[in-house]
Amino acid sequence: SFIFHHGGSNNSYRAWMEGHLATGNGLVILTNGAN
């Protein structure tokens, strides 16, 4: 479960990225809404 990650939050967009360093898996999520 050792991971790196970071979120992003401008007024009208929210974003997320993560990487699972032990397994090589990861995820990106991009949205165009304040929620």
All heavy atoms as atom14 arrays in JSON, in Angstrom:
{
  "sequence": "SFIFHHGGSNNSYRAWMEGHLATGNGLVILTNGAN",
  "atom14_mask": [
    [1, 1, 1, 1, 1, 1, 0, 0, 0, 0, 0, 0, 0, 0],
    [1, 1, 1, 1, 1, 1, 1, 1, 1, 1, 1, 0, 0, 0],
    [1, 1, 1, 1, 1, 1, 1, 1, 0, 0, 0, 0, 0, 0],
    [1, 1, 1, 1, 1, 1, 1, 1, 1, 1, 1, 0, 0, 0],
    [1, 1, 1, 1, 1, 1, 1, 1, 1, 1, 0, 0, 0, 0],
    [1, 1, 1, 1, 1, 1, 1, 1, 1, 1, 0, 0, 0, 0],
    [1, 1, 1, 1, 0, 0, 0, 0, 0, 0, 0, 0, 0, 0],
    [1, 1, 1, 1, 0, 0, 0, 0, 0, 0, 0, 0, 0, 0],
    [1, 1, 1, 1, 1, 1, 0, 0, 0, 0, 0, 0, 0, 0],
    [1, 1, 1, 1, 1, 1, 1, 1, 0, 0, 0, 0, 0, 0],
    [1, 1, 1, 1, 1, 1, 1, 1, 0, 0, 0, 0, 0, 0],
    [1, 1, 1, 1, 1, 1, 0, 0, 0, 0, 0, 0, 0, 0],
    [1, 1, 1, 1, 1, 1, 1, 1, 1, 1, 1, 1, 0, 0],
    [1, 1, 1, 1, 1, 1, 1, 1, 1, 1, 1, 0, 0, 0],
    [1, 1, 1, 1, 1, 0, 0, 0, 0, 0, 0, 0, 0, 0],
    [1, 1, 1, 1, 1, 1, 1, 1, 1, 1, 1, 1, 1, 1],
    [1, 1, 1, 1, 1, 1, 1, 1, 0, 0, 0, 0, 0, 0],
    [1, 1, 1, 1, 1, 1, 1, 1, 1, 0, 0, 0, 0, 0],
    [1, 1, 1, 1, 0, 0, 0, 0, 0, 0, 0, 0, 0, 0],
    [1, 1, 1, 1, 1, 1, 1, 1, 1, 1, 0, 0, 0, 0],
    [1, 1, 1, 1, 1, 1, 1, 1, 0, 0, 0, 0, 0, 0],
    [1, 1, 1, 1, 1, 0, 0, 0, 0, 0, 0, 0, 0, 0],
    [1, 1, 1, 1, 1, 1, 1, 0, 0, 0, 0, 0, 0, 0],
    [1, 1, 1, 1, 0, 0, 0, 0, 0, 0, 0, 0, 0, 0],
    [1, 1, 1, 1, 1, 1, 1, 1, 0, 0, 0, 0, 0, 0],
    [1, 1, 1, 1, 0, 0, 0, 0, 0, 0, 0, 0, 0, 0],
    [1, 1, 1, 1, 1, 1, 1, 1, 0, 0, 0, 0, 0, 0],
    [1, 1, 1, 1, 1, 1, 1, 0, 0, 0, 0, 0, 0, 0],
    [1, 1, 1, 1, 1, 1, 1, 1, 0, 0, 0, 0, 0, 0],
    [1, 1, 1, 1, 1, 1, 1, 1, 0, 0, 0, 0, 0, 0],
    [1, 1, 1, 1, 1, 1, 1, 0, 0, 0, 0, 0, 0, 0],
    [1, 1, 1, 1, 1, 1, 1, 1, 0, 0, 0, 0, 0, 0],
    [1, 1, 1, 1, 0, 0, 0, 0, 0, 0, 0, 0, 0, 0],
    [1, 1, 1, 1, 1, 0, 0, 0, 0, 0, 0, 0, 0, 0],
    [1, 1, 1, 1, 1, 1, 1, 1, 0, 0, 0, 0, 0, 0]
  ],
  "atom14_positions": [
    [[0.81, -1.22, 0.0], [0.0, 0.0, 0.0], [0.84, 1.27, 0.0], [0.33, 2.34, 0.3], [-0.94, -0.01, 1.21], [-1.84, -1.09, 1.13], [0.0, 0.0, 0.0], [0.0, 0.0, 0.0], [0.0, 0.0, 0.0], [0.0, 0.0, 0.0], [0.0, 0.0, 0.0], [0.0, 0.0, 0.0], [0.0, 0.0, 0.0], [0.0, 0.0, 0.0]],
    [[2.15, 1.18, -0.3], [2.99, 2.36, -0.41], [2.67, 3.05, -1.73], [2.88, 2.5, -2.8], [4.46, 1.97, -0.34], [5.42, 3.13, -0.49], [5.19, 4.34, 0.16], [6.55, 3.01, -1.28], [6.05, 5.4, 0.02], [7.44, 4.07, -1.41], [7.19, 5.26, -0.76], [0.0, 0.0, 0.0], [0.0, 0.0, 0.0], [0.0, 0.0, 0.0]],
    [[2.16, 4.28, -1.65], [1.71, 4.98, -2.85], [2.22, 6.42, -2.85], [2.58, 6.98, -1.83], [0.18, 4.98, -2.99], [-0.48, 5.89, -1.93], [-0.39, 3.57, -2.9], [-1.96, 6.1, -2.15], [0.0, 0.0, 0.0], [0.0, 0.0, 0.0], [0.0, 0.0, 0.0], [0.0, 0.0, 0.0], [0.0, 0.0, 0.0], [0.0, 0.0, 0.0]],
    [[2.25, 7.0, -4.05], [2.4, 8.46, -4.17], [1.11, 8.99, -4.78], [0.41, 8.29, -5.52], [3.62, 8.82, -5.03], [3.51, 8.49, -6.5], [2.98, 9.4, -7.41], [3.96, 7.27, -6.99], [2.9, 9.11, -8.76], [3.89, 6.96, -8.34], [3.35, 7.89, -9.23], [0.0, 0.0, 0.0], [0.0, 0.0, 0.0], [0.0, 0.0, 0.0]],
    [[0.81, 10.24, -4.47], [-0.42, 10.82, -5.02], [-0.37, 12.33, -4.93], [0.46, 12.91, -4.23], [-1.65, 10.28, -4.28], [-1.7, 10.6, -2.82], [-2.16, 11.79, -2.31], [-1.35, 9.87, -1.73], [-2.1, 11.78, -0.99], [-1.6, 10.62, -0.62], [0.0, 0.0, 0.0], [0.0, 0.0, 0.0], [0.0, 0.0, 0.0], [0.0, 0.0, 0.0]],
    [[-1.29, 12.97, -5.64], [-1.48, 14.41, -5.53], [-2.84, 14.76, -6.1], [-3.28, 14.17, -7.09], [-0.4, 15.19, -6.27], [-0.08, 16.51, -5.63], [-0.92, 17.6, -5.7], [0.98, 16.9, -4.88], [-0.38, 18.62, -5.05], [0.78, 18.22, -4.52], [0.0, 0.0, 0.0], [0.0, 0.0, 0.0], [0.0, 0.0, 0.0], [0.0, 0.0, 0.0]],
    [[-3.49, 15.71, -5.47], [-4.76, 16.22, -5.97], [-4.6, 17.6, -6.56], [-3.59, 18.29, -6.34], [0.0, 0.0, 0.0], [0.0, 0.0, 0.0], [0.0, 0.0, 0.0], [0.0, 0.0, 0.0], [0.0, 0.0, 0.0], [0.0, 0.0, 0.0], [0.0, 0.0, 0.0], [0.0, 0.0, 0.0], [0.0, 0.0, 0.0], [0.0, 0.0, 0.0]],
    [[-5.59, 18.01, -7.33], [-5.6, 19.34, -7.92], [-6.96, 19.98, -7.78], [-7.98, 19.32, -7.97], [0.0, 0.0, 0.0], [0.0, 0.0, 0.0], [0.0, 0.0, 0.0], [0.0, 0.0, 0.0], [0.0, 0.0, 0.0], [0.0, 0.0, 0.0], [0.0, 0.0, 0.0], [0.0, 0.0, 0.0], [0.0, 0.0, 0.0], [0.0, 0.0, 0.0]],
    [[-6.97, 21.28, -7.45], [-8.24, 21.96, -7.19], [-8.17, 23.41, -7.61], [-7.74, 24.26, -6.83], [-8.59, 21.85, -5.69], [-9.8, 22.5, -5.4], [0.0, 0.0, 0.0], [0.0, 0.0, 0.0], [0.0, 0.0, 0.0], [0.0, 0.0, 0.0], [0.0, 0.0, 0.0], [0.0, 0.0, 0.0], [0.0, 0.0, 0.0], [0.0, 0.0, 0.0]],
    [[-8.55, 23.7, -8.86], [-8.82, 25.07, -9.26], [-10.32, 25.33, -9.06], [-11.06, 24.44, -8.66], [-8.39, 25.31, -10.7], [-6.87, 25.45, -10.81], [-6.2, 25.81, -9.85], [-6.32, 25.14, -11.98], [0.0, 0.0, 0.0], [0.0, 0.0, 0.0], [0.0, 0.0, 0.0], [0.0, 0.0, 0.0], [0.0, 0.0, 0.0], [0.0, 0.0, 0.0]],
    [[-10.77, 26.55, -9.31], [-12.15, 26.9, -8.97], [-13.17, 25.91, -9.52], [-14.11, 25.53, -8.82], [-12.5, 28.3, -9.51], [-11.86, 29.41, -8.71], [-11.19, 29.16, -7.71], [-12.03, 30.64, -9.16], [0.0, 0.0, 0.0], [0.0, 0.0, 0.0], [0.0, 0.0, 0.0], [0.0, 0.0, 0.0], [0.0, 0.0, 0.0], [0.0, 0.0, 0.0]],
    [[-13.0, 25.48, -10.75], [-14.05, 24.74, -11.45], [-13.62, 23.36, -11.91], [-14.36, 22.71, -12.66], [-14.53, 25.55, -12.66], [-14.86, 26.87, -12.29], [0.0, 0.0, 0.0], [0.0, 0.0, 0.0], [0.0, 0.0, 0.0], [0.0, 0.0, 0.0], [0.0, 0.0, 0.0], [0.0, 0.0, 0.0], [0.0, 0.0, 0.0], [0.0, 0.0, 0.0]],
    [[-12.47, 22.92, -11.48], [-11.94, 21.62, -11.88], [-11.34, 20.92, -10.66], [-10.79, 21.57, -9.77], [-10.84, 21.77, -12.94], [-11.26, 22.44, -14.21], [-11.26, 23.83, -14.33], [-11.67, 21.69, -15.31], [-11.63, 24.45, -15.51], [-12.05, 22.31, -16.5], [-12.04, 23.69, -16.59], [-12.42, 24.3, -17.76], [0.0, 0.0, 0.0], [0.0, 0.0, 0.0]],
    [[-11.45, 19.59, -10.65], [-10.79, 18.79, -9.62], [-10.11, 17.62, -10.31], [-10.67, 17.0, -11.24], [-11.8, 18.25, -8.59], [-12.58, 19.34, -7.85], [-11.7, 20.16, -6.92], [-12.48, 21.09, -6.11], [-12.8, 22.33, -6.47], [-12.4, 22.79, -7.65], [-13.5, 23.1, -5.66], [0.0, 0.0, 0.0], [0.0, 0.0, 0.0], [0.0, 0.0, 0.0]],
    [[-8.88, 17.31, -9.86], [-8.1, 16.25, -10.49], [-7.41, 15.42, -9.41], [-7.21, 15.87, -8.28], [-7.06, 16.86, -11.43], [0.0, 0.0, 0.0], [0.0, 0.0, 0.0], [0.0, 0.0, 0.0], [0.0, 0.0, 0.0], [0.0, 0.0, 0.0], [0.0, 0.0, 0.0], [0.0, 0.0, 0.0], [0.0, 0.0, 0.0], [0.0, 0.0, 0.0]],
    [[-7.02, 14.21, -9.79], [-6.35, 13.29, -8.88], [-5.45, 12.36, -9.67], [-5.8, 11.91, -10.76], [-7.38, 12.46, -8.12], [-6.81, 11.42, -7.21], [-6.68, 10.07, -7.46], [-6.28, 11.62, -5.91], [-6.12, 9.44, -6.39], [-5.86, 10.36, -5.41], [-6.13, 12.75, -5.09], [-5.29, 10.2, -4.15], [-5.57, 12.59, -3.83], [-5.16, 11.33, -3.38]],
    [[-4.26, 12.08, -9.12], [-3.38, 11.07, -9.7], [-2.72, 10.31, -8.56], [-2.48, 10.85, -7.48], [-2.32, 11.7, -10.59], [-1.34, 12.61, -9.87], [0.05, 13.17, -10.9], [0.99, 11.66, -11.04], [0.0, 0.0, 0.0], [0.0, 0.0, 0.0], [0.0, 0.0, 0.0], [0.0, 0.0, 0.0], [0.0, 0.0, 0.0], [0.0, 0.0, 0.0]],
    [[-2.45, 9.02, -8.8], [-1.78, 8.21, -7.79], [-1.02, 7.08, -8.49], [-1.38, 6.64, -9.57], [-2.76, 7.62, -6.79], [-3.72, 6.6, -7.39], [-4.69, 6.04, -6.35], [-5.55, 6.8, -5.86], [-4.58, 4.83, -6.06], [0.0, 0.0, 0.0], [0.0, 0.0, 0.0], [0.0, 0.0, 0.0], [0.0, 0.0, 0.0], [0.0, 0.0, 0.0]],
    [[0.04, 6.61, -7.83], [0.79, 5.47, -8.3], [1.11, 4.55, -7.15], [1.45, 5.02, -6.05], [0.0, 0.0, 0.0], [0.0, 0.0, 0.0], [0.0, 0.0, 0.0], [0.0, 0.0, 0.0], [0.0, 0.0, 0.0], [0.0, 0.0, 0.0], [0.0, 0.0, 0.0], [0.0, 0.0, 0.0], [0.0, 0.0, 0.0], [0.0, 0.0, 0.0]],
    [[0.98, 3.24, -7.37], [1.23, 2.24, -6.34], [2.62, 1.66, -6.61], [2.82, 0.89, -7.54], [0.17, 1.15, -6.4], [-1.24, 1.68, -6.44], [-2.3, 0.91, -6.83], [-1.75, 2.9, -6.15], [-3.41, 1.63, -6.78], [-3.09, 2.84, -6.37], [0.0, 0.0, 0.0], [0.0, 0.0, 0.0], [0.0, 0.0, 0.0], [0.0, 0.0, 0.0]],
    [[3.57, 2.07, -5.79], [4.97, 1.82, -6.11], [5.36, 0.35, -5.96], [6.29, -0.12, -6.61], [5.85, 2.71, -5.26], [5.74, 4.19, -5.64], [6.4, 5.09, -4.62], [6.33, 4.44, -7.03], [0.0, 0.0, 0.0], [0.0, 0.0, 0.0], [0.0, 0.0, 0.0], [0.0, 0.0, 0.0], [0.0, 0.0, 0.0], [0.0, 0.0, 0.0]],
    [[4.67, -0.39, -5.1], [5.01, -1.8, -4.93], [4.49, -2.66, -6.07], [5.12, -3.64, -6.46], [4.45, -2.31, -3.6], [0.0, 0.0, 0.0], [0.0, 0.0, 0.0], [0.0, 0.0, 0.0], [0.0, 0.0, 0.0], [0.0, 0.0, 0.0], [0.0, 0.0, 0.0], [0.0, 0.0, 0.0], [0.0, 0.0, 0.0], [0.0, 0.0, 0.0]],
    [[3.35, -2.29, -6.64], [2.7, -3.13, -7.65], [2.8, -2.58, -9.07], [2.55, -3.31, -10.03], [1.21, -3.31, -7.31], [0.57, -2.02, -7.36], [1.04, -3.92, -5.93], [0.0, 0.0, 0.0], [0.0, 0.0, 0.0], [0.0, 0.0, 0.0], [0.0, 0.0, 0.0], [0.0, 0.0, 0.0], [0.0, 0.0, 0.0], [0.0, 0.0, 0.0]],
    [[3.11, -1.28, -9.2], [3.15, -0.67, -10.53], [1.81, -0.23, -11.05], [1.68, 0.11, -12.23], [0.0, 0.0, 0.0], [0.0, 0.0, 0.0], [0.0, 0.0, 0.0], [0.0, 0.0, 0.0], [0.0, 0.0, 0.0], [0.0, 0.0, 0.0], [0.0, 0.0, 0.0], [0.0, 0.0, 0.0], [0.0, 0.0, 0.0], [0.0, 0.0, 0.0]],
    [[0.79, -0.22, -10.2], [-0.54, 0.2, -10.63], [-0.73, 1.69, -10.36], [0.03, 2.31, -9.62], [-1.61, -0.61, -9.91], [-1.46, -2.1, -10.17], [-1.07, -2.51, -11.26], [-1.76, -2.92, -9.17], [0.0, 0.0, 0.0], [0.0, 0.0, 0.0], [0.0, 0.0, 0.0], [0.0, 0.0, 0.0], [0.0, 0.0, 0.0], [0.0, 0.0, 0.0]],
    [[-1.79, 2.26, -10.94], [-2.04, 3.67, -10.7], [-3.36, 4.12, -11.31], [-4.03, 3.36, -12.02], [0.0, 0.0, 0.0], [0.0, 0.0, 0.0], [0.0, 0.0, 0.0], [0.0, 0.0, 0.0], [0.0, 0.0, 0.0], [0.0, 0.0, 0.0], [0.0, 0.0, 0.0], [0.0, 0.0, 0.0], [0.0, 0.0, 0.0], [0.0, 0.0, 0.0]],
    [[-3.69, 5.38, -11.04], [-5.01, 5.9, -11.41], [-4.94, 7.4, -11.61], [-4.24, 8.11, -10.88], [-6.02, 5.58, -10.3], [-7.45, 6.08, -10.44], [-8.14, 5.44, -11.64], [-8.24, 5.78, -9.16], [0.0, 0.0, 0.0], [0.0, 0.0, 0.0], [0.0, 0.0, 0.0], [0.0, 0.0, 0.0], [0.0, 0.0, 0.0], [0.0, 0.0, 0.0]],
    [[-5.69, 7.89, -12.62], [-5.87, 9.31, -12.89], [-7.35, 9.59, -13.01], [-8.08, 8.82, -13.67], [-5.14, 9.71, -14.2], [-5.62, 11.06, -14.7], [-3.64, 9.7, -14.0], [0.0, 0.0, 0.0], [0.0, 0.0, 0.0], [0.0, 0.0, 0.0], [0.0, 0.0, 0.0], [0.0, 0.0, 0.0], [0.0, 0.0, 0.0], [0.0, 0.0, 0.0]],
    [[-7.81, 10.68, -12.38], [-9.21, 11.09, -12.48], [-9.25, 12.59, -12.74], [-8.69, 13.37, -11.97], [-9.99, 10.79, -11.18], [-9.87, 9.31, -10.8], [-11.47, 11.18, -11.34], [-10.39, 9.01, -9.4], [0.0, 0.0, 0.0], [0.0, 0.0, 0.0], [0.0, 0.0, 0.0], [0.0, 0.0, 0.0], [0.0, 0.0, 0.0], [0.0, 0.0, 0.0]],
    [[-9.93, 12.99, -13.82], [-10.07, 14.41, -14.17], [-11.55, 14.75, -14.24], [-12.34, 13.99, -14.81], [-9.42, 14.69, -15.52], [-7.96, 14.22, -15.7], [-7.47, 14.56, -17.1], [-7.06, 14.82, -14.64], [0.0, 0.0, 0.0], [0.0, 0.0, 0.0], [0.0, 0.0, 0.0], [0.0, 0.0, 0.0], [0.0, 0.0, 0.0], [0.0, 0.0, 0.0]],
    [[-11.94, 15.89, -13.67], [-13.35, 16.31, -13.69], [-13.44, 17.79, -14.01], [-12.52, 18.56, -13.72], [-14.03, 16.06, -12.33], [-13.57, 17.03, -11.37], [-13.72, 14.66, -11.8], [0.0, 0.0, 0.0], [0.0, 0.0, 0.0], [0.0, 0.0, 0.0], [0.0, 0.0, 0.0], [0.0, 0.0, 0.0], [0.0, 0.0, 0.0], [0.0, 0.0, 0.0]],
    [[-14.58, 18.2, -14.59], [-14.79, 19.61, -14.92], [-15.92, 20.22, -14.09], [-16.74, 20.99, -14.59], [-15.06, 19.8, -16.42], [-16.36, 19.13, -16.87], [-16.92, 18.3, -16.18], [-16.82, 19.49, -18.07], [0.0, 0.0, 0.0], [0.0, 0.0, 0.0], [0.0, 0.0, 0.0], [0.0, 0.0, 0.0], [0.0, 0.0, 0.0], [0.0, 0.0, 0.0]],
    [[-15.93, 19.92, -12.79], [-16.92, 20.49, -11.89], [-16.33, 20.78, -10.53], [-15.41, 20.08, -10.08], [0.0, 0.0, 0.0], [0.0, 0.0, 0.0], [0.0, 0.0, 0.0], [0.0, 0.0, 0.0], [0.0, 0.0, 0.0], [0.0, 0.0, 0.0], [0.0, 0.0, 0.0], [0.0, 0.0, 0.0], [0.0, 0.0, 0.0], [0.0, 0.0, 0.0]],
    [[-16.85, 21.8, -9.86], [-16.32, 22.2, -8.56], [-16.54, 21.14, -7.48], [-15.87, 21.17, -6.44], [-16.95, 23.52, -8.12], [0.0, 0.0, 0.0], [0.0, 0.0, 0.0], [0.0, 0.0, 0.0], [0.0, 0.0, 0.0], [0.0, 0.0, 0.0], [0.0, 0.0, 0.0], [0.0, 0.0, 0.0], [0.0, 0.0, 0.0], [0.0, 0.0, 0.0]],
    [[-17.49, 20.22, -7.7], [-17.71, 19.12, -6.76], [-16.98, 17.85, -7.18], [-17.26, 16.77, -6.66], [-19.2, 18.82, -6.63], [-19.98, 19.99, -6.06], [-19.5, 20.69, -5.18], [-21.18, 20.22, -6.58], [0.0, 0.0, 0.0], [0.0, 0.0, 0.0], [0.0, 0.0, 0.0], [0.0, 0.0, 0.0], [0.0, 0.0, 0.0], [0.0, 0.0, 0.0]]
  ]
}
